[in-house]
C-alpha atoms as a PDB file:
ATOM      1  CA  MET A   1      25.522   2.666   7.393  1.00  0.00           C
ATOM      2  CA  ILE A   2      23.281   5.256   9.362  1.00  0.00           C
ATOM      3  CA  LEU A   3      20.087   4.249   9.452  1.00  0.00           C
ATOM      4  CA  PRO A   4      20.186   0.433  11.101  1.00  0.00           C
ATOM      5  CA  ALA A   5      22.874   2.205  13.578  1.00  0.00           C
ATOM      6  CA  PHE A   6      19.932   4.570  14.782  1.00  0.00           C
ATOM      7  CA  GLY A   7      16.861   2.548  14.162  1.00  0.00           C
ATOM      8  CA  ILE A   8      15.468   4.643  11.954  1.00  0.00           C
ATOM      9  CA  VAL A   9      13.047   2.750   9.577  1.00  0.00           C
ATOM     10  CA  ARG A  10      10.139   3.539   7.071  1.00  0.00           C
ATOM     11  CA  GLY A  11       8.119   5.811   8.397  1.00  0.00           C
ATOM     12  CA  ASP A  12      10.035   7.593  10.921  1.00  0.00           C
ATOM     13  CA  VAL A  13      10.683  10.851  11.413  1.00  0.00           C
ATOM     14  CA  VAL A  14      14.043  12.103  12.634  1.00  0.00           C
ATOM     15  CA  SER A  15      15.081  15.298  14.364  1.00  0.00           C
ATOM     16  CA  ALA A  16      18.381  16.630  15.154  1.00  0.00           C
ATOM     17  CA  VAL A  17      19.509  19.045  17.815  1.00  0.00           C
ATOM     18  CA  GLY A  18      22.920  20.171  19.303  1.00  0.00           C
ATOM     19  CA  ALA A  19      25.887  21.962  19.025  1.00  0.00           C
ATOM     20  CA  GLY A  20      26.964  21.178  15.268  1.00  0.00           C
ATOM     21  CA  GLY A  21      27.422  18.540  12.448  1.00  0.00           C
ATOM     22  CA  LYS A  22      23.215  18.918  12.478  1.00  0.00           C
ATOM     23  CA  THR A  23      23.426  19.610   8.580  1.00  0.00           C
ATOM     24  CA  THR A  24      25.729  17.061   7.536  1.00  0.00           C
ATOM     25  CA  LEU A  25      24.415  14.520   9.528  1.00  0.00           C
ATOM     26  CA  VAL A  26      20.808  15.402   8.190  1.00  0.00           C
ATOM     27  CA  TYR A  27      21.679  15.101   4.819  1.00  0.00           C
ATOM     28  CA  ARG A  28      23.728  11.909   5.470  1.00  0.00           C
ATOM     29  CA  ILE A  29      20.792  10.196   6.790  1.00  0.00           C
ATOM     30  CA  ALA A  30      18.708  12.028   3.981  1.00  0.00           C
ATOM     31  CA  ALA A  31      21.164  10.540   1.057  1.00  0.00           C
ATOM     32  CA  GLU A  32      21.052   7.291   2.493  1.00  0.00           C
ATOM     33  CA  ALA A  33      17.013   7.167   3.116  1.00  0.00           C
ATOM     34  CA  GLN A  34      16.704   7.495  -0.544  1.00  0.00           C
ATOM     35  CA  ALA A  35      19.381   5.313  -1.678  1.00  0.00           C
ATOM     36  CA  SER A  36      17.564   2.224   0.210  1.00  0.00           C
ATOM     37  CA  GLY A  37      14.479   3.422  -1.350  1.00  0.00           C
ATOM     38  CA  LEU A  38      12.293   5.592   0.750  1.00  0.00           C
ATOM     39  CA  ARG A  39      11.334   8.941  -0.114  1.00  0.00           C
ATOM     40  CA  VAL A  40      12.970  11.483   2.017  1.00  0.00           C
ATOM     41  CA  LEU A  41      11.890  15.573   3.092  1.00  0.00           C
ATOM     42  CA  VAL A  42      14.086  17.396   4.664  1.00  0.00           C
ATOM     43  CA  THR A  43      12.391  20.360   6.617  1.00  0.00           C
ATOM     44  CA  THR A  44      13.905  23.335   9.548  1.00  0.00           C
ATOM     45  CA  THR A  45      12.480  25.290  12.336  1.00  0.00           C
ATOM     46  CA  THR A  46      15.633  27.199  12.130  1.00  0.00           C
ATOM     47  CA  HIS A  47      18.659  28.291   9.695  1.00  0.00           C
ATOM     48  CA  MET A  48      20.462  24.984   8.222  1.00  0.00           C
ATOM     49  CA  GLY A  49      23.867  24.870   6.296  1.00  0.00           C
ATOM     50  CA  THR A  50      23.857  25.416   2.729  1.00  0.00           C
ATOM     51  CA  LEU A  51      24.043  22.793   0.464  1.00  0.00           C
ATOM     52  CA  GLY A  52      23.900  21.981  -2.840  1.00  0.00           C
ATOM     53  CA  GLU A  53      20.740  21.204  -4.776  1.00  0.00           C
ATOM     54  CA  GLU A  54      23.127  17.615  -5.770  1.00  0.00           C
ATOM     55  CA  VAL A  55      22.672  17.135  -2.046  1.00  0.00           C
ATOM     56  CA  THR A  56      19.499  18.274  -0.977  1.00  0.00           C
ATOM     57  CA  GLY A  57      17.661  17.634  -3.708  1.00  0.00           C
ATOM     58  CA  PRO A  58      15.215  20.341  -5.006  1.00  0.00           C
ATOM     59  CA  VAL A  59      14.367  22.922  -2.548  1.00  0.00           C
ATOM     60  CA  LEU A  60      10.871  24.441  -2.303  1.00  0.00           C
ATOM     61  CA  ILE A  61       9.664  27.484  -0.355  1.00  0.00           C
ATOM     62  CA  ASP A  62       5.968  27.322   0.807  1.00  0.00           C
ATOM     63  CA  ASP A  63       4.403  30.378  -0.250  1.00  0.00           C
ATOM     64  CA  GLY A  64       1.232  29.568   0.417  1.00  0.00           C
ATOM     65  CA  SER A  65      -0.197  28.489  -2.752  1.00  0.00           C
ATOM     66  CA  PRO A  66      -1.153  25.459  -3.493  1.00  0.00           C
ATOM     67  CA  GLY A  67       1.342  24.967  -6.593  1.00  0.00           C
ATOM     68  CA  THR A  68       3.641  23.999  -3.614  1.00  0.00           C
ATOM     69  CA  LEU A  69       2.593  21.275  -2.812  1.00  0.00           C
ATOM     70  CA  VAL A  70       2.118  19.819  -5.825  1.00  0.00           C
ATOM     71  CA  ALA A  71       5.676  20.642  -7.069  1.00  0.00           C
ATOM     72  CA  LEU A  72       6.102  18.858  -3.354  1.00  0.00           C
ATOM     73  CA  GLY A  73       4.452  15.775  -4.200  1.00  0.00           C
ATOM     74  CA  GLU A  74       6.376  15.725  -7.761  1.00  0.00           C
ATOM     75  CA  ALA A  75      10.047  16.619  -6.389  1.00  0.00           C
ATOM     76  CA  LEU A  76       9.277  13.181  -3.745  1.00  0.00           C
ATOM     77  CA  ALA A  77       7.659  11.035  -6.612  1.00  0.00           C
ATOM     78  CA  GLU A  78      10.506  12.007  -9.618  1.00  0.00           C
ATOM     79  CA  GLY A  79      13.521  11.818  -7.307  1.00  0.00           C
ATOM     80  CA  GLY A  80      12.618  10.880  -3.943  1.00  0.00           C
ATOM     81  CA  ARG A  81      13.323  13.213  -2.136  1.00  0.00           C
ATOM     82  CA  ALA A  82      12.897  17.722  -1.280  1.00  0.00           C
ATOM     83  CA  ASN A  83      13.813  20.343   0.871  1.00  0.00           C
ATOM     84  CA  ALA A  84      10.643  22.433   1.625  1.00  0.00           C
ATOM     85  CA  SER A  85      10.838  25.792   3.683  1.00  0.00           C
ATOM     86  CA  TYR A  86       8.183  28.487   4.141  1.00  0.00           C
ATOM     87  CA  SER A  87       8.211  32.160   4.199  1.00  0.00           C
ATOM     88  CA  VAL A  88       7.510  34.073   7.066  1.00  0.00           C
END
């Protein structure tokens, strides 16, 4: 169990930095958090490895429209996880 090993609890914001393994670590933490009943949002400031939606949850691209926030709320309420990015 990664959550207790890192002391991650409800309400925490977790970041990952380094030269390799971030995508795998982030999605393992996200899956474990979701399995324990937490809602999870994964986002990035740069490129992350590509994984299927069965791992990431719905992938939402913020295009500046109000519908993006609605879709994010629905995804979190329905499945407990989502991956958000924004277009520049």
